[in-house]
Amino acid sequence: MAKVIAGVATSHVPAIGVAMDQGKTEEPYWKPVFAGYQKSREWIEELKPDVAIVVYNDHATAFSLEVIPTFALGCADEFQPADEGWGPRPVPVVKGHPELAWHIAQSVILDEFDLTIVNKMEVDHGLTVPLSLLFGQPEEWPCPVIPLCVNVVQYPPPTGNRCYNLGKAIRKAVESFDKDLRVVVFGTGGMSHQLQAERAGLINPEFDNRFLDELIAEPEAASRIAHLDYLREAGSEGIELVMWLVMRGALERDVEVINRHYHVPASNTAVGHLVLENVSD
């Protein structure tokens, strides 16, 4: 039987990927950002998961305003890194796990979550930056990856509660898969930031750290945060944090914190990171 064994939450700031790709990780500005991930890299190297499910949002590369799925599951054999205007990142092709992905699609859709099944999709920094933060810069990613893309760009995005319950449905799906696989779920995006208008550059450490506290110990409370509260407290792009709730829903109620990291700023964003393991494991 397959099993979700841990969860990773992390920001996916595009400038982080650029800093890695250009060898700037030891520069004074960037060094504190990357230092907070060192323990997580050592942890995942030792854990050696069989599959990673990465929850992220597309940034107008795979999808445009012509088609906006609320939840899109990548079921392909592989996913090419996207060209986001300056060429694709120099990272490996993302290898999928179609067998598990199709199983998740069947299970979750029959649990009444309407997923869009995607058989061809490029993946942008929302997915590749988290992989780089945890796995470094290998010649190939050390495990297959199942992309789960969530709409947090075009109103209305899904609620935190919907995302939290989707995570529970994903966990149920994984546990009904008849092969022994150890699965890690990534929730990516955030934390507080706003990229435009009068509040551009907004960062709210108080809200961010309260969210981290609730995600760990009171996920139901975090799942009840309203869209307007994300907008008011965390900026227009803070809504990305609902994707962390998919990861949290896939874990048990009680978790152990393996690593926690928070740093301001990275580009114009607050960077947050958690590694959580199920207590029973």
Protein backbone atom coordinates (compact mmCIF):
# COMPACT_ATOMS: atom_id res chain seq x y z
CA MET A 1 0.00 0.00 0.00
CA ALA A 2 1.22 3.50 -0.84
CA LYS A 3 1.38 6.08 1.92
CA VAL A 4 1.79 9.82 2.36
CA ILE A 5 4.68 10.04 4.81
CA ALA A 6 5.44 13.75 4.96
CA GLY A 7 4.58 17.21 3.73
CA VAL A 8 6.68 20.13 2.56
CA ALA A 9 5.47 23.73 2.42
CA THR A 10 7.56 26.35 0.69
CA SER A 11 7.42 29.63 -1.16
CA HIS A 12 8.21 29.39 -4.87
CA VAL A 13 9.64 32.85 -5.55
CA PRO A 14 10.98 32.93 -9.14
CA ALA A 15 14.03 34.98 -8.12
CA ILE A 16 15.09 32.08 -5.87
CA GLY A 17 15.40 29.92 -8.97
CA VAL A 18 17.39 32.62 -10.73
CA ALA A 19 19.75 32.92 -7.74
CA MET A 20 20.37 29.17 -7.83
CA ASP A 21 20.79 29.05 -11.60
CA GLN A 22 23.28 31.95 -11.54
CA GLY A 23 25.31 30.67 -8.58
CA LYS A 24 24.32 33.46 -6.20
CA THR A 25 23.23 31.34 -3.22
CA GLU A 26 26.24 32.35 -1.10
CA GLU A 27 25.86 36.07 -1.71
CA PRO A 28 24.95 38.04 1.45
CA TYR A 29 21.42 38.83 0.24
CA TRP A 30 20.55 35.23 -0.61
CA LYS A 31 22.57 33.19 1.89
CA PRO A 32 20.01 33.46 4.75
CA VAL A 33 17.24 32.27 2.44
CA PHE A 34 19.05 29.11 1.40
CA ALA A 35 20.54 28.39 4.81
CA GLY A 36 17.05 27.72 6.11
CA TYR A 37 16.61 24.86 3.64
CA GLN A 38 19.81 22.99 4.42
CA LYS A 39 18.24 20.81 7.10
CA SER A 40 15.37 19.99 4.73
CA ARG A 41 17.75 18.94 1.97
CA GLU A 42 19.53 16.59 4.35
CA TRP A 43 16.18 15.25 5.54
CA ILE A 44 14.83 14.49 2.08
CA GLU A 45 18.15 12.98 0.98
CA GLU A 46 17.85 10.53 3.84
CA LEU A 47 14.12 9.95 3.34
CA LYS A 48 14.39 9.21 -0.41
CA PRO A 49 10.67 9.42 -1.28
CA ASP A 50 9.36 7.35 -4.17
CA VAL A 51 7.01 10.05 -5.49
CA ALA A 52 6.42 13.76 -4.88
CA ILE A 53 3.02 15.35 -5.43
CA VAL A 54 3.66 19.06 -5.96
CA VAL A 55 0.76 21.47 -5.48
CA TYR A 56 1.50 24.76 -7.21
CA ASN A 57 -0.06 27.40 -9.43
CA ASP A 58 0.62 28.05 -13.07
CA HIS A 59 1.75 31.58 -13.96
CA ALA A 60 0.13 31.87 -17.41
CA THR A 61 2.45 29.35 -19.06
CA ALA A 62 0.41 26.14 -19.31
CA PHE A 63 -2.94 27.88 -18.98
CA SER A 64 -4.23 31.25 -20.15
CA LEU A 65 -7.43 33.18 -19.50
CA GLU A 66 -9.00 31.05 -22.23
CA VAL A 67 -9.00 27.95 -19.99
CA ILE A 68 -8.76 28.19 -16.20
CA PRO A 69 -9.16 24.86 -14.36
CA THR A 70 -9.64 25.14 -10.62
CA PHE A 71 -7.67 21.92 -10.05
CA ALA A 72 -5.56 20.31 -12.81
CA LEU A 73 -3.71 17.03 -12.30
CA GLY A 74 -0.74 16.16 -14.50
CA CYS A 75 -1.00 12.55 -15.66
CA ALA A 76 1.70 12.59 -18.35
CA ASP A 77 4.97 10.66 -18.52
CA GLU A 78 6.96 13.89 -18.33
CA PHE A 79 6.63 17.66 -18.07
CA GLN A 80 9.04 20.06 -19.77
CA PRO A 81 10.26 23.18 -17.93
CA ALA A 82 8.42 26.20 -19.32
CA ASP A 83 9.90 29.22 -21.05
CA GLU A 84 8.59 32.09 -18.95
CA GLY A 85 10.03 34.79 -21.18
CA TRP A 86 13.76 34.35 -20.63
CA GLY A 87 14.15 30.71 -21.65
CA PRO A 88 13.41 27.57 -19.63
CA ARG A 89 15.25 27.15 -16.34
CA PRO A 90 18.31 24.87 -16.68
CA VAL A 91 16.70 22.10 -14.66
CA PRO A 92 15.90 18.48 -15.52
CA VAL A 93 12.74 17.41 -17.27
CA VAL A 94 10.14 16.51 -14.66
CA LYS A 95 9.30 12.80 -14.91
CA GLY A 96 5.73 11.95 -13.98
CA HIS A 97 4.11 8.91 -12.41
CA PRO A 98 1.11 8.29 -14.70
CA GLU A 99 -0.03 5.13 -12.93
CA LEU A 100 -0.42 6.79 -9.54
CA ALA A 101 -1.69 10.03 -11.08
CA TRP A 102 -4.51 8.27 -12.93
CA HIS A 103 -5.37 6.35 -9.78
CA ILE A 104 -5.58 9.62 -7.84
CA ALA A 105 -7.73 11.16 -10.56
CA GLN A 106 -10.18 8.27 -10.48
CA SER A 107 -10.39 8.17 -6.69
CA VAL A 108 -10.67 11.92 -6.17
CA ILE A 109 -13.20 12.48 -8.95
CA LEU A 110 -15.38 9.68 -7.58
CA ASP A 111 -15.09 11.47 -4.22
CA GLU A 112 -16.76 14.40 -6.05
CA PHE A 113 -13.76 16.65 -6.66
CA ASP A 114 -13.83 17.78 -10.28
CA LEU A 115 -10.23 17.57 -11.42
CA THR A 116 -9.07 18.52 -14.89
CA ILE A 117 -6.88 15.71 -16.23
CA VAL A 118 -3.89 17.09 -18.14
CA ASN A 119 -1.85 14.86 -20.43
CA LYS A 120 0.46 17.57 -21.79
CA MET A 121 1.66 20.48 -19.72
CA GLU A 122 4.78 22.58 -19.25
CA VAL A 123 5.68 23.43 -15.66
CA ASP A 124 6.98 26.80 -14.53
CA HIS A 125 8.84 28.16 -11.51
CA GLY A 126 5.88 27.38 -9.26
CA LEU A 127 6.90 23.72 -9.46
CA THR A 128 10.59 23.77 -10.36
CA VAL A 129 11.75 26.22 -7.66
CA PRO A 130 10.43 24.02 -4.79
CA LEU A 131 12.12 20.99 -6.36
CA SER A 132 15.40 22.90 -6.57
CA LEU A 133 15.14 24.09 -2.97
CA LEU A 134 14.75 20.53 -1.67
CA PHE A 135 16.76 18.51 -4.20
CA GLY A 136 19.41 20.99 -5.30
CA GLN A 137 20.64 20.97 -8.90
CA PRO A 138 20.89 17.30 -9.93
CA GLU A 139 21.20 15.98 -13.46
CA GLU A 140 17.77 14.42 -13.00
CA TRP A 141 15.18 14.73 -10.25
CA PRO A 142 15.56 11.87 -7.76
CA CYS A 143 11.91 10.79 -7.89
CA PRO A 144 8.86 11.04 -10.15
CA VAL A 145 6.66 14.10 -9.67
CA ILE A 146 2.89 14.48 -10.01
CA PRO A 147 1.94 18.12 -10.63
CA LEU A 148 -1.33 19.40 -9.14
CA CYS A 149 -2.07 22.89 -10.41
CA VAL A 150 -4.50 25.11 -8.46
CA ASN A 151 -6.06 28.31 -9.76
CA VAL A 152 -5.12 31.16 -7.45
CA VAL A 153 -4.77 33.69 -10.28
CA GLN A 154 -8.28 34.31 -11.60
CA TYR A 155 -11.17 34.97 -9.23
CA PRO A 156 -12.75 32.89 -7.75
CA PRO A 157 -10.01 30.64 -6.38
CA PRO A 158 -11.00 27.61 -4.30
CA THR A 159 -11.49 28.13 -0.57
CA GLY A 160 -8.96 26.99 1.98
CA ASN A 161 -11.51 24.48 3.23
CA ARG A 162 -11.94 23.02 -0.25
CA CYS A 163 -8.18 22.68 -0.60
CA TYR A 164 -7.84 21.11 2.85
CA ASN A 165 -10.51 18.53 2.01
CA LEU A 166 -8.90 17.85 -1.36
CA GLY A 167 -5.74 16.96 0.52
CA LYS A 168 -7.71 14.46 2.59
CA ALA A 169 -9.12 12.94 -0.61
CA ILE A 170 -5.61 12.69 -2.08
CA ARG A 171 -4.39 10.90 1.02
CA LYS A 172 -7.29 8.44 0.71
CA ALA A 173 -6.45 7.90 -2.95
CA VAL A 174 -2.76 7.29 -2.27
CA GLU A 175 -3.54 4.81 0.50
CA SER A 176 -5.77 2.80 -1.84
CA PHE A 177 -2.98 2.40 -4.42
CA ASP A 178 -1.77 -1.22 -4.38
CA LYS A 179 1.97 -0.61 -4.68
CA ASP A 180 4.37 0.21 -1.87
CA LEU A 181 5.26 3.86 -2.45
CA ARG A 182 6.39 6.51 0.01
CA VAL A 183 4.85 9.81 -1.06
CA VAL A 184 5.72 13.37 -0.05
CA VAL A 185 3.23 16.16 -0.78
CA PHE A 186 4.48 19.69 -1.47
CA GLY A 187 2.28 22.75 -0.92
CA THR A 188 3.86 25.79 -2.54
CA GLY A 189 3.42 29.54 -2.96
CA GLY A 190 3.22 32.57 -0.68
CA MET A 191 3.83 33.82 1.86
CA SER A 192 2.54 37.39 2.14
CA HIS A 193 3.29 39.50 -0.91
CA GLN A 194 1.67 41.86 -3.37
CA LEU A 195 3.11 42.58 -6.77
CA GLN A 196 1.08 45.57 -7.92
CA ALA A 197 -0.93 48.70 -7.06
CA GLU A 198 -0.63 50.90 -3.98
CA ARG A 199 0.33 48.06 -1.60
CA ALA A 200 3.03 46.60 -3.83
CA GLY A 201 5.75 45.16 -1.63
CA LEU A 202 3.40 44.37 1.28
CA ILE A 203 4.81 41.82 3.73
CA ASN A 204 3.03 40.83 6.96
CA PRO A 205 5.27 38.71 9.23
CA GLU A 206 2.64 38.58 11.98
CA PHE A 207 0.05 37.01 9.68
CA ASP A 208 2.62 34.69 8.09
CA ASN A 209 3.85 33.27 11.38
CA ARG A 210 0.33 32.92 12.74
CA PHE A 211 -0.52 30.96 9.59
CA LEU A 212 2.51 28.71 10.14
CA ASP A 213 1.43 28.11 13.74
CA GLU A 214 -2.12 27.23 12.69
CA LEU A 215 -1.02 25.05 9.81
CA ILE A 216 1.01 22.96 12.24
CA ALA A 217 -1.35 22.72 15.22
CA GLU A 218 -4.77 23.99 14.11
CA PRO A 219 -5.18 23.24 10.40
CA GLU A 220 -8.96 23.47 10.59
CA ALA A 221 -8.63 27.08 11.76
CA ALA A 222 -6.26 27.82 8.89
CA SER A 223 -8.73 26.23 6.47
CA ARG A 224 -11.41 28.73 7.55
CA ILE A 225 -9.43 31.85 6.59
CA ALA A 226 -11.60 33.76 4.13
CA HIS A 227 -10.47 35.06 0.74
CA LEU A 228 -10.92 38.65 1.92
CA ASP A 229 -8.68 38.00 4.94
CA TYR A 230 -5.91 36.68 2.70
CA LEU A 231 -6.25 39.78 0.52
CA ARG A 232 -6.32 42.18 3.46
CA GLU A 233 -3.60 40.56 5.58
CA ALA A 234 -1.29 38.84 3.08
CA GLY A 235 -1.68 40.86 -0.10
CA SER A 236 -3.21 39.96 -3.43
CA GLU A 237 -0.80 37.05 -3.96
CA GLY A 238 -1.13 35.76 -0.41
CA ILE A 239 -4.04 33.61 -1.59
CA GLU A 240 -1.39 31.15 -2.79
CA LEU A 241 -1.30 29.87 0.79
CA VAL A 242 -4.48 27.85 0.20
CA MET A 243 -2.22 25.43 -1.68
CA TRP A 244 -0.37 24.69 1.56
CA LEU A 245 -3.69 23.43 2.91
CA VAL A 246 -3.84 20.70 0.24
CA MET A 247 -0.54 19.41 1.62
CA ARG A 248 -1.74 19.69 5.21
CA GLY A 249 -4.97 17.85 4.47
CA ALA A 250 -2.95 14.94 3.10
CA LEU A 251 -1.26 14.48 6.49
CA GLU A 252 -2.54 13.24 9.81
CA ARG A 253 -4.03 15.63 12.35
CA ASP A 254 -0.92 15.44 14.56
CA VAL A 255 2.42 16.12 12.94
CA GLU A 256 6.03 16.59 13.95
CA VAL A 257 7.86 19.70 12.73
CA ILE A 258 11.17 18.67 11.16
CA ASN A 259 12.09 22.14 9.95
CA ARG A 260 10.60 25.64 10.06
CA HIS A 261 12.07 28.63 8.26
CA TYR A 262 10.89 32.19 7.72
CA HIS A 263 12.86 34.97 6.06
CA VAL A 264 12.15 38.48 4.77
CA PRO A 265 12.70 39.42 2.06
CA ALA A 266 13.48 37.33 -0.98
CA SER A 267 12.83 39.60 -3.93
CA ASN A 268 9.62 41.29 -2.72
CA THR A 269 8.22 38.27 -0.92
CA ALA A 270 8.21 36.75 2.54
CA VAL A 271 9.68 33.24 2.31
CA GLY A 272 8.17 30.53 4.49
CA HIS A 273 9.00 26.83 4.75
CA LEU A 274 7.88 23.81 6.76
CA VAL A 275 8.70 20.13 6.75
CA LEU A 276 6.08 18.03 8.57
CA GLU A 277 6.00 14.30 9.29
CA ASN A 278 3.07 12.26 10.55
CA VAL A 279 3.52 11.49 14.25
CA SER A 280 2.45 7.85 13.81
CA ASP A 281 5.20 7.30 11.25
